[in-house]
Amino acid sequence: MTRKYAIELIEEHEAVNLYSIHLNTKELSELECFFENFPEGCAYDEDIDTIIAWLDHIGERGALERYFRHEGKFGDGVSAIPIETSNLRLYCIRLSDKILIFGNGGIKDTSTWQESETLSDYVETLVDTSRFIASRLANGTLYIVDKEIIGNLNFTRDEKK
């Protein structure tokens, strides 16, 4: 099965641009889906507040490496917030201090994301996206200017199920 998606700009800040994966089969971006899964008044309000505080902090200061928990393989840029203790993880690609691409996330109910069927799909999508971006940057079909990703931001990922 093939999954088609795009990366879209969702918020611009002085220090950083926030992008999100948007699956062709969904109305909302993955970042929006994450927040939809944890509406106000749910059991995870405190965790969501922590994530929102981190997003505000990143918006003000940029996507500095120290603000993220590394989750993927070395060099793929896949990380999660928050770095502090939380029951939730929101996964992203930290492309630079000025560009952050969000996937989805969820409840951290296993010791590693690889053990969670839901979380592993989110992280593996980001790992593939990071690889696609690196390839397009290398061949010149995608490039970065300050806080912008310019070029073809449409991707196709073969499902591994």
C-alpha atoms as a PDB file:
ATOM      1  CA  MET A   1       0.000   0.000   0.000  1.00  0.00           C
ATOM      2  CA  THR A   2       1.243   3.481  -0.840  1.00  0.00           C
ATOM      3  CA  ARG A   3       0.788   6.587   1.308  1.00  0.00           C
ATOM      4  CA  LYS A   4       0.900   9.996  -0.356  1.00  0.00           C
ATOM      5  CA  TYR A   5       1.510  13.146   1.624  1.00  0.00           C
ATOM      6  CA  ALA A   6       2.945  16.631   1.527  1.00  0.00           C
ATOM      7  CA  ILE A   7       4.796  18.909   3.889  1.00  0.00           C
ATOM      8  CA  GLU A   8       3.000  22.199   4.479  1.00  0.00           C
ATOM      9  CA  LEU A   9       3.861  25.365   6.339  1.00  0.00           C
ATOM     10  CA  ILE A  10       1.588  25.722   9.370  1.00  0.00           C
ATOM     11  CA  GLU A  11       3.111  28.567  11.409  1.00  0.00           C
ATOM     12  CA  GLU A  12       5.714  31.249  10.892  1.00  0.00           C
ATOM     13  CA  HIS A  13       7.611  32.702  13.831  1.00  0.00           C
ATOM     14  CA  GLU A  14      10.460  35.165  13.918  1.00  0.00           C
ATOM     15  CA  ALA A  15      12.959  32.444  14.846  1.00  0.00           C
ATOM     16  CA  VAL A  16      11.492  29.354  13.150  1.00  0.00           C
ATOM     17  CA  ASN A  17       8.982  28.072  10.601  1.00  0.00           C
ATOM     18  CA  LEU A  18       6.828  25.133  11.655  1.00  0.00           C
ATOM     19  CA  TYR A  19       5.798  22.631   8.998  1.00  0.00           C
ATOM     20  CA  SER A  20       3.703  19.486   9.278  1.00  0.00           C
ATOM     21  CA  ILE A  21       3.128  16.333   7.300  1.00  0.00           C
ATOM     22  CA  HIS A  22      -0.319  16.295   5.712  1.00  0.00           C
ATOM     23  CA  LEU A  23      -1.540  12.907   4.515  1.00  0.00           C
ATOM     24  CA  ASN A  24      -3.654  13.055   1.333  1.00  0.00           C
ATOM     25  CA  THR A  25      -6.286  10.893   3.048  1.00  0.00           C
ATOM     26  CA  LYS A  26      -6.826  13.308   5.957  1.00  0.00           C
ATOM     27  CA  GLU A  27      -8.396  16.735   6.227  1.00  0.00           C
ATOM     28  CA  LEU A  28      -6.024  17.862   9.000  1.00  0.00           C
ATOM     29  CA  SER A  29      -2.237  17.937   9.173  1.00  0.00           C
ATOM     30  CA  GLU A  30      -0.537  15.421  11.439  1.00  0.00           C
ATOM     31  CA  LEU A  31       0.176  18.153  14.004  1.00  0.00           C
ATOM     32  CA  GLU A  32      -3.500  19.138  14.030  1.00  0.00           C
ATOM     33  CA  CYS A  33      -4.487  15.453  14.347  1.00  0.00           C
ATOM     34  CA  PHE A  34      -2.203  15.139  17.369  1.00  0.00           C
ATOM     35  CA  PHE A  35      -3.964  17.986  19.168  1.00  0.00           C
ATOM     36  CA  GLU A  36      -7.403  16.724  18.077  1.00  0.00           C
ATOM     37  CA  ASN A  37      -6.623  13.400  19.800  1.00  0.00           C
ATOM     38  CA  PHE A  38      -6.100  15.198  23.125  1.00  0.00           C
ATOM     39  CA  PRO A  39      -8.875  17.799  23.467  1.00  0.00           C
ATOM     40  CA  GLU A  40      -9.103  20.178  26.400  1.00  0.00           C
ATOM     41  CA  GLY A  41     -10.409  18.369  29.458  1.00  0.00           C
ATOM     42  CA  CYS A  42      -8.839  15.015  28.604  1.00  0.00           C
ATOM     43  CA  ALA A  43      -6.630  13.043  30.992  1.00  0.00           C
ATOM     44  CA  TYR A  44      -3.512  14.486  29.307  1.00  0.00           C
ATOM     45  CA  ASP A  45      -4.152  18.224  29.783  1.00  0.00           C
ATOM     46  CA  GLU A  46      -0.954  18.725  31.770  1.00  0.00           C
ATOM     47  CA  ASP A  47       1.126  16.940  29.108  1.00  0.00           C
ATOM     48  CA  ILE A  48      -0.486  18.982  26.309  1.00  0.00           C
ATOM     49  CA  ASP A  49       0.188  22.190  28.252  1.00  0.00           C
ATOM     50  CA  THR A  50       3.850  21.158  28.522  1.00  0.00           C
ATOM     51  CA  ILE A  51       4.069  20.507  24.768  1.00  0.00           C
ATOM     52  CA  ILE A  52       2.372  23.834  23.977  1.00  0.00           C
ATOM     53  CA  ALA A  53       4.815  25.627  26.293  1.00  0.00           C
ATOM     54  CA  TRP A  54       7.711  24.002  24.418  1.00  0.00           C
ATOM     55  CA  LEU A  55       6.210  25.023  21.069  1.00  0.00           C
ATOM     56  CA  ASP A  56       5.929  28.616  22.302  1.00  0.00           C
ATOM     57  CA  HIS A  57       9.529  28.489  23.539  1.00  0.00           C
ATOM     58  CA  ILE A  58      10.739  27.096  20.188  1.00  0.00           C
ATOM     59  CA  GLY A  59       8.737  29.755  18.331  1.00  0.00           C
ATOM     60  CA  GLU A  60      10.534  32.466  20.289  1.00  0.00           C
ATOM     61  CA  ARG A  61      14.069  31.065  20.262  1.00  0.00           C
ATOM     62  CA  GLY A  62      14.246  28.632  17.349  1.00  0.00           C
ATOM     63  CA  ALA A  63      14.487  24.861  17.076  1.00  0.00           C
ATOM     64  CA  LEU A  64      17.719  24.562  19.041  1.00  0.00           C
ATOM     65  CA  GLU A  65      18.998  21.009  19.325  1.00  0.00           C
ATOM     66  CA  ARG A  66      18.949  20.984  23.125  1.00  0.00           C
ATOM     67  CA  TYR A  67      15.132  21.331  23.122  1.00  0.00           C
ATOM     68  CA  PHE A  68      14.605  17.880  21.593  1.00  0.00           C
ATOM     69  CA  ARG A  69      14.800  14.216  22.550  1.00  0.00           C
ATOM     70  CA  HIS A  70      16.538  12.248  19.754  1.00  0.00           C
ATOM     71  CA  GLU A  71      14.326   9.366  18.655  1.00  0.00           C
ATOM     72  CA  GLY A  72      15.439   8.106  15.259  1.00  0.00           C
ATOM     73  CA  LYS A  73      18.800   6.946  14.024  1.00  0.00           C
ATOM     74  CA  PHE A  74      21.867   9.159  14.188  1.00  0.00           C
ATOM     75  CA  GLY A  75      21.755  11.824  11.493  1.00  0.00           C
ATOM     76  CA  ASP A  76      18.102  11.502  10.445  1.00  0.00           C
ATOM     77  CA  GLY A  77      17.002  14.493  12.546  1.00  0.00           C
ATOM     78  CA  VAL A  78      13.988  12.699  14.030  1.00  0.00           C
ATOM     79  CA  SER A  79      13.252  13.967  17.526  1.00  0.00           C
ATOM     80  CA  ALA A  80      10.431  14.404  20.019  1.00  0.00           C
ATOM     81  CA  ILE A  81       9.171  16.977  22.457  1.00  0.00           C
ATOM     82  CA  PRO A  82       8.986  17.425  25.340  1.00  0.00           C
ATOM     83  CA  ILE A  83      12.426  16.558  26.696  1.00  0.00           C
ATOM     84  CA  GLU A  84      11.035  16.438  30.229  1.00  0.00           C
ATOM     85  CA  THR A  85       8.969  13.634  31.742  1.00  0.00           C
ATOM     86  CA  SER A  86       5.635  13.310  29.978  1.00  0.00           C
ATOM     87  CA  ASN A  87       3.112  10.648  29.038  1.00  0.00           C
ATOM     88  CA  LEU A  88       2.942  12.047  25.501  1.00  0.00           C
ATOM     89  CA  ARG A  89       5.418  12.399  22.660  1.00  0.00           C
ATOM     90  CA  LEU A  90       5.120  14.682  19.644  1.00  0.00           C
ATOM     91  CA  TYR A  91       7.517  13.629  16.879  1.00  0.00           C
ATOM     92  CA  CYS A  92       9.276  15.917  14.430  1.00  0.00           C
ATOM     93  CA  ILE A  93      12.236  16.418  12.125  1.00  0.00           C
ATOM     94  CA  ARG A  94      14.567  19.182  13.231  1.00  0.00           C
ATOM     95  CA  LEU A  95      15.921  20.216   9.847  1.00  0.00           C
ATOM     96  CA  SER A  96      17.754  23.219  11.291  1.00  0.00           C
ATOM     97  CA  ASP A  97      17.479  25.805  14.051  1.00  0.00           C
ATOM     98  CA  LYS A  98      14.979  27.580  11.778  1.00  0.00           C
ATOM     99  CA  ILE A  99      12.941  24.685  10.325  1.00  0.00           C
ATOM    100  CA  LEU A 100      10.892  22.090  12.172  1.00  0.00           C
ATOM    101  CA  ILE A 101       8.647  19.497  10.490  1.00  0.00           C
ATOM    102  CA  PHE A 102       6.024  17.826  12.683  1.00  0.00           C
ATOM    103  CA  GLY A 103       4.555  14.405  12.306  1.00  0.00           C
ATOM    104  CA  ASN A 104       2.107  12.997  14.790  1.00  0.00           C
ATOM    105  CA  GLY A 105       2.536  11.558  18.248  1.00  0.00           C
ATOM    106  CA  GLY A 106       0.691   9.963  21.071  1.00  0.00           C
ATOM    107  CA  ILE A 107       0.747   8.234  24.403  1.00  0.00           C
ATOM    108  CA  LYS A 108       4.122   6.806  25.393  1.00  0.00           C
ATOM    109  CA  ASP A 109       2.892   3.485  26.797  1.00  0.00           C
ATOM    110  CA  THR A 110       5.883   1.301  25.905  1.00  0.00           C
ATOM    111  CA  SER A 111       9.541   1.633  26.825  1.00  0.00           C
ATOM    112  CA  THR A 112      10.503   2.504  23.225  1.00  0.00           C
ATOM    113  CA  TRP A 113       8.619   3.891  20.223  1.00  0.00           C
ATOM    114  CA  GLN A 114       9.601   0.771  18.253  1.00  0.00           C
ATOM    115  CA  GLU A 115       7.421  -1.346  20.561  1.00  0.00           C
ATOM    116  CA  SER A 116       4.322   0.789  19.934  1.00  0.00           C
ATOM    117  CA  GLU A 117       2.395   0.060  16.729  1.00  0.00           C
ATOM    118  CA  THR A 118       0.999   3.603  16.643  1.00  0.00           C
ATOM    119  CA  LEU A 119       4.155   5.520  17.558  1.00  0.00           C
ATOM    120  CA  SER A 120       6.411   3.402  15.335  1.00  0.00           C
ATOM    121  CA  ASP A 121       4.325   4.291  12.263  1.00  0.00           C
ATOM    122  CA  TYR A 122       4.632   8.020  13.060  1.00  0.00           C
ATOM    123  CA  VAL A 123       8.386   7.838  13.625  1.00  0.00           C
ATOM    124  CA  GLU A 124       9.037   5.631  10.580  1.00  0.00           C
ATOM    125  CA  THR A 125       7.121   8.101   8.383  1.00  0.00           C
ATOM    126  CA  LEU A 126       9.394  10.871   9.673  1.00  0.00           C
ATOM    127  CA  VAL A 127      12.526   8.748   9.153  1.00  0.00           C
ATOM    128  CA  ASP A 128      11.500   8.141   5.523  1.00  0.00           C
ATOM    129  CA  THR A 129      10.621  11.826   5.084  1.00  0.00           C
ATOM    130  CA  SER A 130      14.016  12.848   6.425  1.00  0.00           C
ATOM    131  CA  ARG A 131      15.676  10.489   3.937  1.00  0.00           C
ATOM    132  CA  PHE A 132      13.541  11.851   1.056  1.00  0.00           C
ATOM    133  CA  ILE A 133      14.410  15.437   2.012  1.00  0.00           C
ATOM    134  CA  ALA A 134      18.137  14.648   2.255  1.00  0.00           C
ATOM    135  CA  SER A 135      18.051  13.048  -1.192  1.00  0.00           C
ATOM    136  CA  ARG A 136      16.226  16.007  -2.744  1.00  0.00           C
ATOM    137  CA  LEU A 137      18.573  18.498  -1.079  1.00  0.00           C
ATOM    138  CA  ALA A 138      21.549  16.543  -2.454  1.00  0.00           C
ATOM    139  CA  ASN A 139      20.203  16.446  -6.021  1.00  0.00           C
ATOM    140  CA  GLY A 140      19.096  20.094  -5.972  1.00  0.00           C
ATOM    141  CA  THR A 141      15.337  19.544  -6.390  1.00  0.00           C
ATOM    142  CA  LEU A 142      14.783  20.922  -2.897  1.00  0.00           C
ATOM    143  CA  TYR A 143      16.635  23.706  -1.168  1.00  0.00           C
ATOM    144  CA  ILE A 144      16.494  25.753   1.992  1.00  0.00           C
ATOM    145  CA  VAL A 145      16.523  29.534   2.159  1.00  0.00           C
ATOM    146  CA  ASP A 146      16.586  30.782   5.750  1.00  0.00           C
ATOM    147  CA  LYS A 147      13.322  29.411   7.236  1.00  0.00           C
ATOM    148  CA  GLU A 148      11.803  28.120   3.989  1.00  0.00           C
ATOM    149  CA  ILE A 149      11.887  24.760   2.265  1.00  0.00           C
ATOM    150  CA  ILE A 150      11.564  25.369  -1.469  1.00  0.00           C
ATOM    151  CA  GLY A 151      10.807  22.716  -4.064  1.00  0.00           C
ATOM    152  CA  ASN A 152       8.706  19.589  -4.393  1.00  0.00           C
ATOM    153  CA  LEU A 153       7.261  18.826  -0.948  1.00  0.00           C
ATOM    154  CA  ASN A 154       5.064  15.933  -2.110  1.00  0.00           C
ATOM    155  CA  PHE A 155       6.108  12.434  -1.083  1.00  0.00           C
ATOM    156  CA  THR A 156       5.072   8.820  -1.531  1.00  0.00           C
ATOM    157  CA  ARG A 157       5.834   6.210   1.098  1.00  0.00           C
ATOM    158  CA  ASP A 158       5.362   2.461   0.661  1.00  0.00           C
ATOM    159  CA  GLU A 159       3.725   0.932   3.729  1.00  0.00           C
ATOM    160  CA  LYS A 160       5.671  -1.917   5.323  1.00  0.00           C
ATOM    161  CA  LYS A 161       2.650  -3.909   6.524  1.00  0.00           C
END
